[in-house]
């Protein structure tokens, strides 16, 4: 995995290019947009009508979105000069609902965490 982030000619916009494997096989040229930096709100524009909200929270760049019946949660953060990236894929359908549906025991849905991926990216 490669992540290339570069400033663009537009104010508050950056290229956000993710490459899985080789550049010719799986190259995702997105745009990172500062939505409201005072609130830590950013957007990743997939340049196909899809906009993914991202937020700076506790030193991590975090987002969550649902596609094809699965929710994807992503986190990016720096650790000793390396960029860490992790992704969780969570089933969109609950595997269990518990609780009594009351104020003291609200209904709580549990979901299967289907996959987990983690990458350590080193600056080249």
PDB file of N, CA and C in Angstrom:
ATOM      1  N   UNK A   1       0.853  -1.184   0.000  1.00  0.00           N
ATOM      2  CA  UNK A   1       0.000   0.000   0.000  1.00  0.00           C
ATOM      3  C   UNK A   1       0.888   1.233   0.000  1.00  0.00           C
ATOM      4  N   UNK A   2       0.512   2.193  -0.803  1.00  0.00           N
ATOM      5  CA  UNK A   2       1.153   3.501  -0.804  1.00  0.00           C
ATOM      6  C   UNK A   2       0.081   4.556  -0.597  1.00  0.00           C
ATOM      7  N   UNK A   3       0.433   5.615   0.099  1.00  0.00           N
ATOM      8  CA  UNK A   3      -0.433   6.780   0.231  1.00  0.00           C
ATOM      9  C   UNK A   3       0.405   7.981  -0.132  1.00  0.00           C
ATOM     10  N   UNK A   4      -0.032   8.675  -1.169  1.00  0.00           N
ATOM     11  CA  UNK A   4       0.675   9.879  -1.621  1.00  0.00           C
ATOM     12  C   UNK A   4      -0.222  11.083  -1.364  1.00  0.00           C
ATOM     13  N   UNK A   5       0.293  12.024  -0.580  1.00  0.00           N
ATOM     14  CA  UNK A   5      -0.452  13.239  -0.257  1.00  0.00           C
ATOM     15  C   UNK A   5       0.375  14.420  -0.730  1.00  0.00           C
ATOM     16  N   UNK A   6      -0.222  15.262  -1.566  1.00  0.00           N
ATOM     17  CA  UNK A   6       0.484  16.424  -2.104  1.00  0.00           C
ATOM     18  C   UNK A   6      -0.447  17.622  -2.130  1.00  0.00           C
ATOM     19  N   UNK A   7       0.134  18.805  -1.923  1.00  0.00           N
ATOM     20  CA  UNK A   7      -0.637  20.043  -2.064  1.00  0.00           C
ATOM     21  C   UNK A   7      -1.031  20.207  -3.531  1.00  0.00           C
ATOM     22  N   UNK A   8      -2.144  20.871  -3.753  1.00  0.00           N
ATOM     23  CA  UNK A   8      -2.590  21.193  -5.113  1.00  0.00           C
ATOM     24  C   UNK A   8      -2.540  22.706  -5.290  1.00  0.00           C
ATOM     25  N   UNK A   9      -2.931  23.176  -6.463  1.00  0.00           N
ATOM     26  CA  UNK A   9      -2.983  24.609  -6.721  1.00  0.00           C
ATOM     27  C   UNK A   9      -4.172  25.281  -6.034  1.00  0.00           C
ATOM     28  N   UNK A  10      -5.135  24.475  -5.558  1.00  0.00           N
ATOM     29  CA  UNK A  10      -6.326  25.012  -4.900  1.00  0.00           C
ATOM     30  C   UNK A  10      -6.113  25.098  -3.396  1.00  0.00           C
ATOM     31  N   UNK A  11      -6.571  26.183  -2.820  1.00  0.00           N
ATOM     32  CA  UNK A  11      -6.478  26.380  -1.384  1.00  0.00           C
ATOM     33  C   UNK A  11      -7.315  25.324  -0.673  1.00  0.00           C
ATOM     34  N   UNK A  12      -6.789  24.714   0.389  1.00  0.00           N
ATOM     35  CA  UNK A  12      -7.489  23.728   1.207  1.00  0.00           C
ATOM     36  C   UNK A  12      -7.800  22.421   0.493  1.00  0.00           C
ATOM     37  N   UNK A  13      -7.079  22.109  -0.588  1.00  0.00           N
ATOM     38  CA  UNK A  13      -7.253  20.838  -1.293  1.00  0.00           C
ATOM     39  C   UNK A  13      -5.899  20.183  -1.501  1.00  0.00           C
ATOM     40  N   UNK A  14      -5.880  18.871  -1.348  1.00  0.00           N
ATOM     41  CA  UNK A  14      -4.668  18.083  -1.505  1.00  0.00           C
ATOM     42  C   UNK A  14      -4.989  16.842  -2.324  1.00  0.00           C
ATOM     43  N   UNK A  15      -4.016  16.340  -3.048  1.00  0.00           N
ATOM     44  CA  UNK A  15      -4.219  15.044  -3.685  1.00  0.00           C
ATOM     45  C   UNK A  15      -4.053  13.984  -2.599  1.00  0.00           C
ATOM     46  N   UNK A  16      -4.872  12.957  -2.653  1.00  0.00           N
ATOM     47  CA  UNK A  16      -4.863  11.850  -1.684  1.00  0.00           C
ATOM     48  C   UNK A  16      -4.946  10.587  -2.532  1.00  0.00           C
ATOM     49  N   UNK A  17      -3.823  10.046  -2.868  1.00  0.00           N
ATOM     50  CA  UNK A  17      -3.742   8.932  -3.812  1.00  0.00           C
ATOM     51  C   UNK A  17      -3.350   7.666  -3.065  1.00  0.00           C
ATOM     52  N   UNK A  18      -4.233   6.669  -3.112  1.00  0.00           N
ATOM     53  CA  UNK A  18      -3.954   5.377  -2.489  1.00  0.00           C
ATOM     54  C   UNK A  18      -3.661   4.375  -3.602  1.00  0.00           C
ATOM     55  N   UNK A  19      -2.569   3.633  -3.431  1.00  0.00           N
ATOM     56  CA  UNK A  19      -2.182   2.610  -4.404  1.00  0.00           C
ATOM     57  C   UNK A  19      -2.048   1.287  -3.656  1.00  0.00           C
ATOM     58  N   UNK A  20      -2.772   0.292  -4.129  1.00  0.00           N
ATOM     59  CA  UNK A  20      -2.657  -1.059  -3.583  1.00  0.00           C
ATOM     60  C   UNK A  20      -1.944  -1.909  -4.620  1.00  0.00           C
ATOM     61  N   UNK A  21      -0.847  -2.533  -4.241  1.00  0.00           N
ATOM     62  CA  UNK A  21      -0.090  -3.332  -5.204  1.00  0.00           C
ATOM     63  C   UNK A  21       0.683  -2.418  -6.128  1.00  0.00           C
ATOM     64  N   UNK A  22       0.336  -2.445  -7.417  1.00  0.00           N
ATOM     65  CA  UNK A  22       1.042  -1.609  -8.392  1.00  0.00           C
ATOM     66  C   UNK A  22       0.163  -0.442  -8.827  1.00  0.00           C
ATOM     67  N   UNK A  23       0.823   0.621  -9.234  1.00  0.00           N
ATOM     68  CA  UNK A  23       0.116   1.838  -9.648  1.00  0.00           C
ATOM     69  C   UNK A  23      -0.796   1.583 -10.840  1.00  0.00           C
ATOM     70  N   UNK A  24      -0.415   0.661 -11.712  1.00  0.00           N
ATOM     71  CA  UNK A  24      -1.221   0.395 -12.902  1.00  0.00           C
ATOM     72  C   UNK A  24      -2.438  -0.490 -12.614  1.00  0.00           C
ATOM     73  N   UNK A  25      -2.425  -1.225 -11.502  1.00  0.00           N
ATOM     74  CA  UNK A  25      -3.525  -2.157 -11.212  1.00  0.00           C
ATOM     75  C   UNK A  25      -4.589  -1.597 -10.275  1.00  0.00           C
ATOM     76  N   UNK A  26      -4.198  -0.915  -9.205  1.00  0.00           N
ATOM     77  CA  UNK A  26      -5.178  -0.397  -8.249  1.00  0.00           C
ATOM     78  C   UNK A  26      -4.718   0.955  -7.733  1.00  0.00           C
ATOM     79  N   UNK A  27      -5.040   1.993  -8.488  1.00  0.00           N
ATOM     80  CA  UNK A  27      -4.628   3.365  -8.220  1.00  0.00           C
ATOM     81  C   UNK A  27      -5.889   4.181  -7.963  1.00  0.00           C
ATOM     82  N   UNK A  28      -5.985   4.772  -6.798  1.00  0.00           N
ATOM     83  CA  UNK A  28      -7.181   5.532  -6.420  1.00  0.00           C
ATOM     84  C   UNK A  28      -6.827   6.999  -6.191  1.00  0.00           C
ATOM     85  N   UNK A  29      -6.950   7.820  -7.232  1.00  0.00           N
ATOM     86  CA  UNK A  29      -6.598   9.246  -7.125  1.00  0.00           C
ATOM     87  C   UNK A  29      -7.755  10.070  -6.554  1.00  0.00           C
ATOM     88  N   UNK A  30      -7.731  10.298  -5.260  1.00  0.00           N
ATOM     89  CA  UNK A  30      -8.768  11.045  -4.577  1.00  0.00           C
ATOM     90  C   UNK A  30      -8.293  12.470  -4.290  1.00  0.00           C
ATOM     91  N   UNK A  31      -9.193  13.275  -3.733  1.00  0.00           N
ATOM     92  CA  UNK A  31      -8.871  14.640  -3.320  1.00  0.00           C
ATOM     93  C   UNK A  31      -9.236  14.796  -1.853  1.00  0.00           C
ATOM     94  N   UNK A  32      -8.316  15.326  -1.064  1.00  0.00           N
ATOM     95  CA  UNK A  32      -8.556  15.615   0.346  1.00  0.00           C
ATOM     96  C   UNK A  32      -8.911  17.093   0.457  1.00  0.00           C
ATOM     97  N   UNK A  33     -10.030  17.384   1.101  1.00  0.00           N
ATOM     98  CA  UNK A  33     -10.539  18.750   1.179  1.00  0.00           C
ATOM     99  C   UNK A  33     -10.734  19.147   2.644  1.00  0.00           C
ATOM    100  N   UNK A  34     -10.202  20.291   3.012  1.00  0.00           N
ATOM    101  CA  UNK A  34     -10.413  20.838   4.356  1.00  0.00           C
ATOM    102  C   UNK A  34     -11.820  21.411   4.416  1.00  0.00           C
ATOM    103  N   UNK A  35     -12.704  20.788   5.167  1.00  0.00           N
ATOM    104  CA  UNK A  35     -14.094  21.237   5.265  1.00  0.00           C
ATOM    105  C   UNK A  35     -14.233  22.309   6.355  1.00  0.00           C
ATOM    106  N   UNK A  36     -13.779  21.989   7.576  1.00  0.00           N
ATOM    107  CA  UNK A  36     -13.806  22.920   8.695  1.00  0.00           C
ATOM    108  C   UNK A  36     -12.670  22.516   9.637  1.00  0.00           C
ATOM    109  N   UNK A  37     -11.480  23.041   9.387  1.00  0.00           N
ATOM    110  CA  UNK A  37     -10.303  22.613  10.137  1.00  0.00           C
ATOM    111  C   UNK A  37     -10.388  22.970  11.620  1.00  0.00           C
ATOM    112  N   UNK A  38     -11.128  24.017  11.963  1.00  0.00           N
ATOM    113  CA  UNK A  38     -11.301  24.371  13.378  1.00  0.00           C
ATOM    114  C   UNK A  38     -12.019  23.250  14.129  1.00  0.00           C
ATOM    115  N   UNK A  39     -12.877  22.522  13.435  1.00  0.00           N
ATOM    116  CA  UNK A  39     -13.604  21.394  14.031  1.00  0.00           C
ATOM    117  C   UNK A  39     -12.973  20.058  13.652  1.00  0.00           C
ATOM    118  N   UNK A  40     -11.856  20.092  12.915  1.00  0.00           N
ATOM    119  CA  UNK A  40     -11.187  18.858  12.516  1.00  0.00           C
ATOM    120  C   UNK A  40     -11.924  18.082  11.449  1.00  0.00           C
ATOM    121  N   UNK A  41     -12.748  18.758  10.656  1.00  0.00           N
ATOM    122  CA  UNK A  41     -13.584  18.097   9.654  1.00  0.00           C
ATOM    123  C   UNK A  41     -12.958  18.201   8.265  1.00  0.00           C
ATOM    124  N   UNK A  42     -12.745  17.061   7.636  1.00  0.00           N
ATOM    125  CA  UNK A  42     -12.184  16.972   6.297  1.00  0.00           C
ATOM    126  C   UNK A  42     -13.066  16.060   5.452  1.00  0.00           C
ATOM    127  N   UNK A  43     -12.860  16.117   4.145  1.00  0.00           N
ATOM    128  CA  UNK A  43     -13.564  15.222   3.211  1.00  0.00           C
ATOM    129  C   UNK A  43     -12.549  14.542   2.305  1.00  0.00           C
ATOM    130  N   UNK A  44     -12.773  13.282   2.017  1.00  0.00           N
ATOM    131  CA  UNK A  44     -12.052  12.614   0.946  1.00  0.00           C
ATOM    132  C   UNK A  44     -13.042  12.482  -0.203  1.00  0.00           C
ATOM    133  N   UNK A  45     -12.738  13.158  -1.298  1.00  0.00           N
ATOM    134  CA  UNK A  45     -13.571  13.126  -2.491  1.00  0.00           C
ATOM    135  C   UNK A  45     -13.016  12.040  -3.409  1.00  0.00           C
ATOM    136  N   UNK A  46     -13.801  10.991  -3.657  1.00  0.00           N
ATOM    137  CA  UNK A  46     -13.348   9.913  -4.523  1.00  0.00           C
ATOM    138  C   UNK A  46     -13.460  10.290  -6.002  1.00  0.00           C
ATOM    139  N   UNK A  47     -13.920  11.509  -6.258  1.00  0.00           N
ATOM    140  CA  UNK A  47     -14.027  12.054  -7.619  1.00  0.00           C
ATOM    141  C   UNK A  47     -14.959  11.244  -8.510  1.00  0.00           C
ATOM    142  N   UNK A  48     -15.974  10.646  -7.881  1.00  0.00           N
ATOM    143  CA  UNK A  48     -16.998   9.906  -8.616  1.00  0.00           C
ATOM    144  C   UNK A  48     -18.380  10.138  -8.001  1.00  0.00           C
ATOM    145  N   UNK A  49     -18.510  11.207  -7.216  1.00  0.00           N
ATOM    146  CA  UNK A  49     -19.760  11.505  -6.531  1.00  0.00           C
ATOM    147  C   UNK A  49     -19.757  11.062  -5.072  1.00  0.00           C
ATOM    148  N   UNK A  50     -18.751  10.282  -4.654  1.00  0.00           N
ATOM    149  CA  UNK A  50     -18.666   9.800  -3.280  1.00  0.00           C
ATOM    150  C   UNK A  50     -17.767  10.732  -2.465  1.00  0.00           C
ATOM    151  N   UNK A  51     -18.305  11.242  -1.344  1.00  0.00           N
ATOM    152  CA  UNK A  51     -17.562  12.086  -0.408  1.00  0.00           C
ATOM    153  C   UNK A  51     -17.545  11.386   0.939  1.00  0.00           C
ATOM    154  N   UNK A  52     -16.361  11.176   1.491  1.00  0.00           N
ATOM    155  CA  UNK A  52     -16.216  10.499   2.771  1.00  0.00           C
ATOM    156  C   UNK A  52     -15.766  11.503   3.827  1.00  0.00           C
ATOM    157  N   UNK A  53     -16.562  11.683   4.871  1.00  0.00           N
ATOM    158  CA  UNK A  53     -16.212  12.597   5.951  1.00  0.00           C
ATOM    159  C   UNK A  53     -15.128  11.965   6.817  1.00  0.00           C
ATOM    160  N   UNK A  54     -14.141  12.777   7.186  1.00  0.00           N
ATOM    161  CA  UNK A  54     -13.036  12.359   8.034  1.00  0.00           C
ATOM    162  C   UNK A  54     -12.882  13.401   9.135  1.00  0.00           C
ATOM    163  N   UNK A  55     -12.379  12.974  10.288  1.00  0.00           N
ATOM    164  CA  UNK A  55     -12.245  13.871  11.428  1.00  0.00           C
ATOM    165  C   UNK A  55     -10.929  13.624  12.155  1.00  0.00           C
ATOM    166  N   UNK A  56     -10.294  14.712  12.629  1.00  0.00           N
ATOM    167  CA  UNK A  56      -9.132  14.609  13.521  1.00  0.00           C
ATOM    168  C   UNK A  56      -9.673  14.408  14.919  1.00  0.00           C
ATOM    169  N   UNK A  57      -9.384  13.259  15.522  1.00  0.00           N
ATOM    170  CA  UNK A  57      -9.844  12.949  16.872  1.00  0.00           C
ATOM    171  C   UNK A  57      -8.690  12.294  17.622  1.00  0.00           C
ATOM    172  N   UNK A  58      -8.291  12.894  18.731  1.00  0.00           N
ATOM    173  CA  UNK A  58      -7.249  12.326  19.595  1.00  0.00           C
ATOM    174  C   UNK A  58      -5.986  11.956  18.816  1.00  0.00           C
ATOM    175  N   UNK A  59      -5.565  12.844  17.913  1.00  0.00           N
ATOM    176  CA  UNK A  59      -4.338  12.615  17.159  1.00  0.00           C
ATOM    177  C   UNK A  59      -4.460  11.618  16.026  1.00  0.00           C
ATOM    178  N   UNK A  60      -5.692  11.237  15.694  1.00  0.00           N
ATOM    179  CA  UNK A  60      -5.919  10.303  14.583  1.00  0.00           C
ATOM    180  C   UNK A  60      -6.862  10.931  13.570  1.00  0.00           C
ATOM    181  N   UNK A  61      -6.656  10.550  12.320  1.00  0.00           N
ATOM    182  CA  UNK A  61      -7.511  10.968  11.208  1.00  0.00           C
ATOM    183  C   UNK A  61      -8.476   9.810  10.986  1.00  0.00           C
ATOM    184  N   UNK A  62      -9.749  10.010  11.346  1.00  0.00           N
ATOM    185  CA  UNK A  62     -10.705   8.908  11.441  1.00  0.00           C
ATOM    186  C   UNK A  62     -11.930   9.140  10.565  1.00  0.00           C
ATOM    187  N   UNK A  63     -12.500   8.039  10.084  1.00  0.00           N
ATOM    188  CA  UNK A  63     -13.733   8.110   9.329  1.00  0.00           C
ATOM    189  C   UNK A  63     -14.476   6.795   9.378  1.00  0.00           C
ATOM    190  N   UNK A  64     -15.743   6.842   9.019  1.00  0.00           N
ATOM    191  CA  UNK A  64     -16.573   5.642   8.942  1.00  0.00           C
ATOM    192  C   UNK A  64     -17.604   5.853   7.844  1.00  0.00           C
ATOM    193  N   UNK A  65     -17.836   4.803   7.060  1.00  0.00           N
ATOM    194  CA  UNK A  65     -18.845   4.870   6.013  1.00  0.00           C
ATOM    195  C   UNK A  65     -19.395   3.472   5.772  1.00  0.00           C
ATOM    196  N   UNK A  66     -20.585   3.406   5.210  1.00  0.00           N
ATOM    197  CA  UNK A  66     -21.224   2.129   4.913  1.00  0.00           C
ATOM    198  C   UNK A  66     -21.379   1.992   3.408  1.00  0.00           C
ATOM    199  N   UNK A  67     -20.972   0.835   2.899  1.00  0.00           N
ATOM    200  CA  UNK A  67     -21.099   0.537   1.478  1.00  0.00           C
ATOM    201  C   UNK A  67     -21.323  -0.963   1.315  1.00  0.00           C
ATOM    202  N   UNK A  68     -22.244  -1.341   0.436  1.00  0.00           N
ATOM    203  CA  UNK A  68     -22.482  -2.751   0.150  1.00  0.00           C
ATOM    204  C   UNK A  68     -22.807  -3.588   1.369  1.00  0.00           C
ATOM    205  N   UNK A  69     -23.513  -3.017   2.347  1.00  0.00           N
ATOM    206  CA  UNK A  69     -23.910  -3.771   3.527  1.00  0.00           C
ATOM    207  C   UNK A  69     -22.853  -3.892   4.603  1.00  0.00           C
ATOM    208  N   UNK A  70     -21.708  -3.236   4.430  1.00  0.00           N
ATOM    209  CA  UNK A  70     -20.653  -3.261   5.438  1.00  0.00           C
ATOM    210  C   UNK A  70     -20.260  -1.841   5.816  1.00  0.00           C
ATOM    211  N   UNK A  71     -19.951  -1.639   7.081  1.00  0.00           N
ATOM    212  CA  UNK A  71     -19.429  -0.361   7.543  1.00  0.00           C
ATOM    213  C   UNK A  71     -17.920  -0.480   7.642  1.00  0.00           C
ATOM    214  N   UNK A  72     -17.220   0.480   7.065  1.00  0.00           N
ATOM    215  CA  UNK A  72     -15.764   0.538   7.099  1.00  0.00           C
ATOM    216  C   UNK A  72     -15.372   1.659   8.053  1.00  0.00           C
ATOM    217  N   UNK A  73     -14.522   1.351   9.002  1.00  0.00           N
ATOM    218  CA  UNK A  73     -13.975   2.344   9.925  1.00  0.00           C
ATOM    219  C   UNK A  73     -12.481   2.433   9.637  1.00  0.00           C
ATOM    220  N   UNK A  74     -11.991   3.652   9.390  1.00  0.00           N
ATOM    221  CA  UNK A  74     -10.564   3.825   9.088  1.00  0.00           C
ATOM    222  C   UNK A  74      -9.929   4.818  10.046  1.00  0.00           C
ATOM    223  N   UNK A  75      -8.652   4.573  10.323  1.00  0.00           N
ATOM    224  CA  UNK A  75      -7.859   5.442  11.181  1.00  0.00           C
ATOM    225  C   UNK A  75      -6.464   5.577  10.589  1.00  0.00           C
ATOM    226  N   UNK A  76      -5.949   6.796  10.609  1.00  0.00           N
ATOM    227  CA  UNK A  76      -4.568   7.071  10.211  1.00  0.00           C
ATOM    228  C   UNK A  76      -3.931   7.869  11.335  1.00  0.00           C
ATOM    229  N   UNK A  77      -2.666   7.549  11.688  1.00  0.00           N
ATOM    230  CA  UNK A  77      -1.956   8.314  12.698  1.00  0.00           C
ATOM    231  C   UNK A  77      -0.460   8.110  12.549  1.00  0.00           C
ATOM    232  N   UNK A  78       0.291   9.061  13.084  1.00  0.00           N
ATOM    233  CA  UNK A  78       1.749   8.984  13.054  1.00  0.00           C
ATOM    234  C   UNK A  78       2.245   8.289  14.316  1.00  0.00           C
ATOM    235  N   UNK A  79       3.258   7.420  14.146  1.00  0.00           N
ATOM    236  CA  UNK A  79       3.873   6.715  15.263  1.00  0.00           C
ATOM    237  C   UNK A  79       5.369   6.579  14.970  1.00  0.00           C
ATOM    238  N   UNK A  80       6.189   7.328  15.706  1.00  0.00           N
ATOM    239  CA  UNK A  80       7.645   7.297  15.519  1.00  0.00           C
ATOM    240  C   UNK A  80       8.057   7.545  14.071  1.00  0.00           C
ATOM    241  N   UNK A  81       7.451   8.546  13.453  1.00  0.00           N
ATOM    242  CA  UNK A  81       7.808   8.919  12.093  1.00  0.00           C
ATOM    243  C   UNK A  81       7.208   8.041  11.010  1.00  0.00           C
ATOM    244  N   UNK A  82       6.391   7.087  11.381  1.00  0.00           N
ATOM    245  CA  UNK A  82       5.733   6.206  10.408  1.00  0.00           C
ATOM    246  C   UNK A  82       4.237   6.481  10.419  1.00  0.00           C
ATOM    247  N   UNK A  83       3.618   6.376   9.260  1.00  0.00           N
ATOM    248  CA  UNK A  83       2.176   6.562   9.163  1.00  0.00           C
ATOM    249  C   UNK A  83       1.508   5.202   9.316  1.00  0.00           C
ATOM    250  N   UNK A  84       0.674   5.096  10.311  1.00  0.00           N
ATOM    251  CA  UNK A  84      -0.079   3.870  10.558  1.00  0.00           C
ATOM    252  C   UNK A  84      -1.461   4.035   9.935  1.00  0.00           C
ATOM    253  N   UNK A  85      -1.948   2.972   9.329  1.00  0.00           N
ATOM    254  CA  UNK A  85      -3.292   2.976   8.740  1.00  0.00           C
ATOM    255  C   UNK A  85      -3.985   1.691   9.151  1.00  0.00           C
ATOM    256  N   UNK A  86      -5.228   1.802   9.592  1.00  0.00           N
ATOM    257  CA  UNK A  86      -5.981   0.593   9.923  1.00  0.00           C
ATOM    258  C   UNK A  86      -7.413   0.734   9.446  1.00  0.00           C
ATOM    259  N   UNK A  87      -7.968  -0.402   9.072  1.00  0.00           N
ATOM    260  CA  UNK A  87      -9.324  -0.461   8.541  1.00  0.00           C
ATOM    261  C   UNK A  87     -10.060  -1.636   9.188  1.00  0.00           C
ATOM    262  N   UNK A  88     -11.257  -1.377   9.661  1.00  0.00           N
ATOM    263  CA  UNK A  88     -12.149  -2.419  10.155  1.00  0.00           C
ATOM    264  C   UNK A  88     -13.326  -2.496   9.191  1.00  0.00           C
ATOM    265  N   UNK A  89     -13.773  -3.696   8.876  1.00  0.00           N
ATOM    266  CA  UNK A  89     -14.989  -3.902   8.112  1.00  0.00           C
ATOM    267  C   UNK A  89     -15.991  -4.590   9.030  1.00  0.00           C
ATOM    268  N   UNK A  90     -17.146  -3.962   9.196  1.00  0.00           N
ATOM    269  CA  UNK A  90     -18.153  -4.436  10.146  1.00  0.00           C
ATOM    270  C   UNK A  90     -19.438  -4.735   9.386  1.00  0.00           C
ATOM    271  N   UNK A  91     -19.988  -5.917   9.612  1.00  0.00           N
ATOM    272  CA  UNK A  91     -21.231  -6.317   8.958  1.00  0.00           C
ATOM    273  C   UNK A  91     -22.335  -5.318   9.276  1.00  0.00           C
ATOM    274  N   UNK A  92     -23.132  -4.971   8.278  1.00  0.00           N
ATOM    275  CA  UNK A  92     -24.207  -4.003   8.468  1.00  0.00           C
ATOM    276  C   UNK A  92     -25.431  -4.566   9.152  1.00  0.00           C
ATOM    277  N   UNK A  93     -25.514  -5.897   9.250  1.00  0.00           N
ATOM    278  CA  UNK A  93     -26.672  -6.543   9.868  1.00  0.00           C
ATOM    279  C   UNK A  93     -26.287  -7.029  11.266  1.00  0.00           C
ATOM    280  N   UNK A  94     -27.072  -6.656  12.295  1.00  0.00           N
ATOM    281  CA  UNK A  94     -26.729  -7.095  13.653  1.00  0.00           C
ATOM    282  C   UNK A  94     -26.745  -8.619  13.764  1.00  0.00           C
ATOM    283  N   UNK A  95     -25.813  -9.141  14.576  1.00  0.00           N
ATOM    284  CA  UNK A  95     -25.831 -10.586  14.836  1.00  0.00           C
ATOM    285  C   UNK A  95     -26.618 -10.882  16.114  1.00  0.00           C
ATOM    286  N   UNK A  96     -26.840  -9.851  16.926  1.00  0.00           N
ATOM    287  CA  UNK A  96     -27.630 -10.021  18.145  1.00  0.00           C
ATOM    288  C   UNK A  96     -28.180  -8.670  18.585  1.00  0.00           C
ATOM    289  N   UNK A  97     -29.370  -8.711  19.177  1.00  0.00           N
ATOM    290  CA  UNK A  97     -29.966  -7.538  19.819  1.00  0.00           C
ATOM    291  C   UNK A  97     -30.312  -7.951  21.244  1.00  0.00           C
ATOM    292  N   UNK A  98     -29.777  -7.215  22.214  1.00  0.00           N
ATOM    293  CA  UNK A  98     -30.027  -7.554  23.609  1.00  0.00           C
ATOM    294  C   UNK A  98     -30.528  -6.321  24.346  1.00  0.00           C
ATOM    295  N   UNK A  99     -30.874  -6.505  25.597  1.00  0.00           N
ATOM    296  CA  UNK A  99     -31.455  -5.435  26.382  1.00  0.00           C
ATOM    297  C   UNK A  99     -32.963  -5.553  26.379  1.00  0.00           C
ATOM    298  N   UNK A 100     -33.603  -4.770  27.204  1.00  0.00           N
ATOM    299  CA  UNK A 100     -35.063  -4.860  27.360  1.00  0.00           C
ATOM    300  C   UNK A 100     -35.800  -3.717  26.677  1.00  0.00           C
ATOM    301  N   UNK A 101     -35.065  -2.780  26.076  1.00  0.00           N
ATOM    302  CA  UNK A 101     -35.713  -1.657  25.417  1.00  0.00           C
ATOM    303  C   UNK A 101     -36.241  -0.621  26.388  1.00  0.00           C
ATOM    304  N   UNK A 102     -35.661  -0.582  27.575  1.00  0.00           N
ATOM    305  CA  UNK A 102     -36.092   0.380  28.586  1.00  0.00           C
ATOM    306  C   UNK A 102     -34.976   1.391  28.823  1.00  0.00           C
ATOM    307  N   UNK A 103     -35.259   2.402  29.646  1.00  0.00           N
ATOM    308  CA  UNK A 103     -34.240   3.405  29.957  1.00  0.00           C
ATOM    309  C   UNK A 103     -33.051   2.780  30.693  1.00  0.00           C
ATOM    310  N   UNK A 104     -33.323   1.846  31.581  1.00  0.00           N
ATOM    311  CA  UNK A 104     -32.254   1.175  32.336  1.00  0.00           C
ATOM    312  C   UNK A 104     -31.554   0.085  31.536  1.00  0.00           C
ATOM    313  N   UNK A 105     -32.231  -0.450  30.532  1.00  0.00           N
ATOM    314  CA  UNK A 105     -31.677  -1.540  29.721  1.00  0.00           C
ATOM    315  C   UNK A 105     -32.076  -1.330  28.262  1.00  0.00           C
ATOM    316  N   UNK A 106     -31.433  -0.330  27.600  1.00  0.00           N
ATOM    317  CA  UNK A 106     -31.812  -0.051  26.211  1.00  0.00           C
ATOM    318  C   UNK A 106     -31.451  -1.216  25.287  1.00  0.00           C
ATOM    319  N   UNK A 107     -32.102  -1.283  24.154  1.00  0.00           N
ATOM    320  CA  UNK A 107     -31.761  -2.294  23.164  1.00  0.00           C
ATOM    321  C   UNK A 107     -30.392  -1.966  22.585  1.00  0.00           C
ATOM    322  N   UNK A 108     -29.531  -2.972  22.530  1.00  0.00           N
ATOM    323  CA  UNK A 108     -28.176  -2.817  22.017  1.00  0.00           C
ATOM    324  C   UNK A 108     -27.949  -3.854  20.934  1.00  0.00           C
ATOM    325  N   UNK A 109     -27.542  -3.400  19.756  1.00  0.00           N
ATOM    326  CA  UNK A 109     -27.229  -4.299  18.651  1.00  0.00           C
ATOM    327  C   UNK A 109     -25.736  -4.582  18.622  1.00  0.00           C
ATOM    328  N   UNK A 110     -25.368  -5.844  18.379  1.00  0.00           N
ATOM    329  CA  UNK A 110     -23.973  -6.246  18.223  1.00  0.00           C
ATOM    330  C   UNK A 110     -23.740  -6.640  16.771  1.00  0.00           C
ATOM    331  N   UNK A 111     -22.533  -6.346  16.270  1.00  0.00           N
ATOM    332  CA  UNK A 111     -22.205  -6.589  14.867  1.00  0.00           C
ATOM    333  C   UNK A 111     -20.937  -7.417  14.748  1.00  0.00           C
ATOM    334  N   UNK A 112     -20.857  -8.196  13.695  1.00  0.00           N
ATOM    335  CA  UNK A 112     -19.655  -8.980  13.431  1.00  0.00           C
ATOM    336  C   UNK A 112     -18.583  -8.072  12.835  1.00  0.00           C
ATOM    337  N   UNK A 113     -17.393  -8.085  13.437  1.00  0.00           N
ATOM    338  CA  UNK A 113     -16.240  -7.433  12.824  1.00  0.00           C
ATOM    339  C   UNK A 113     -15.683  -8.463  11.852  1.00  0.00           C
ATOM    340  N   UNK A 114     -15.846  -8.184  10.551  1.00  0.00           N
ATOM    341  CA  UNK A 114     -15.536  -9.180   9.527  1.00  0.00           C
ATOM    342  C   UNK A 114     -14.052  -9.216   9.161  1.00  0.00           C
ATOM    343  N   UNK A 115     -13.427  -8.033   9.041  1.00  0.00           N
ATOM    344  CA  UNK A 115     -12.009  -8.012   8.678  1.00  0.00           C
ATOM    345  C   UNK A 115     -11.306  -6.865   9.396  1.00  0.00           C
ATOM    346  N   UNK A 116      -9.995  -7.012   9.499  1.00  0.00           N
ATOM    347  CA  UNK A 116      -9.139  -5.974  10.059  1.00  0.00           C
ATOM    348  C   UNK A 116      -7.874  -5.935   9.214  1.00  0.00           C
ATOM    349  N   UNK A 117      -7.468  -4.723   8.826  1.00  0.00           N
ATOM    350  CA  UNK A 117      -6.233  -4.541   8.076  1.00  0.00           C
ATOM    351  C   UNK A 117      -5.431  -3.433   8.738  1.00  0.00           C
ATOM    352  N   UNK A 118      -4.116  -3.634   8.783  1.00  0.00           N
ATOM    353  CA  UNK A 118      -3.249  -2.610   9.344  1.00  0.00           C
ATOM    354  C   UNK A 118      -2.014  -2.507   8.468  1.00  0.00           C
ATOM    355  N   UNK A 119      -1.587  -1.263   8.234  1.00  0.00           N
ATOM    356  CA  UNK A 119      -0.385  -1.031   7.425  1.00  0.00           C
ATOM    357  C   UNK A 119       0.500  -0.032   8.152  1.00  0.00           C
ATOM    358  N   UNK A 120       1.798  -0.242   8.030  1.00  0.00           N
ATOM    359  CA  UNK A 120       2.787   0.706   8.508  1.00  0.00           C
ATOM    360  C   UNK A 120       3.458   1.286   7.273  1.00  0.00           C
ATOM    361  N   UNK A 121       3.268   2.580   7.053  1.00  0.00           N
ATOM    362  CA  UNK A 121       3.793   3.239   5.863  1.00  0.00           C
ATOM    363  C   UNK A 121       5.035   4.053   6.234  1.00  0.00           C
ATOM    364  N   UNK A 122       6.073   3.885   5.436  1.00  0.00           N
ATOM    365  CA  UNK A 122       7.340   4.552   5.678  1.00  0.00           C
ATOM    366  C   UNK A 122       7.585   5.544   4.553  1.00  0.00           C
ATOM    367  N   UNK A 123       7.980   6.774   4.910  1.00  0.00           N
ATOM    368  CA  UNK A 123       8.241   7.814   3.916  1.00  0.00           C
ATOM    369  C   UNK A 123       9.395   7.400   3.006  1.00  0.00           C
ATOM    370  N   UNK A 124       9.192   7.589   1.711  1.00  0.00           N
ATOM    371  CA  UNK A 124      10.246   7.272   0.738  1.00  0.00           C
ATOM    372  C   UNK A 124      10.765   8.532   0.103  1.00  0.00           C
TER     373      UNK A 124
END
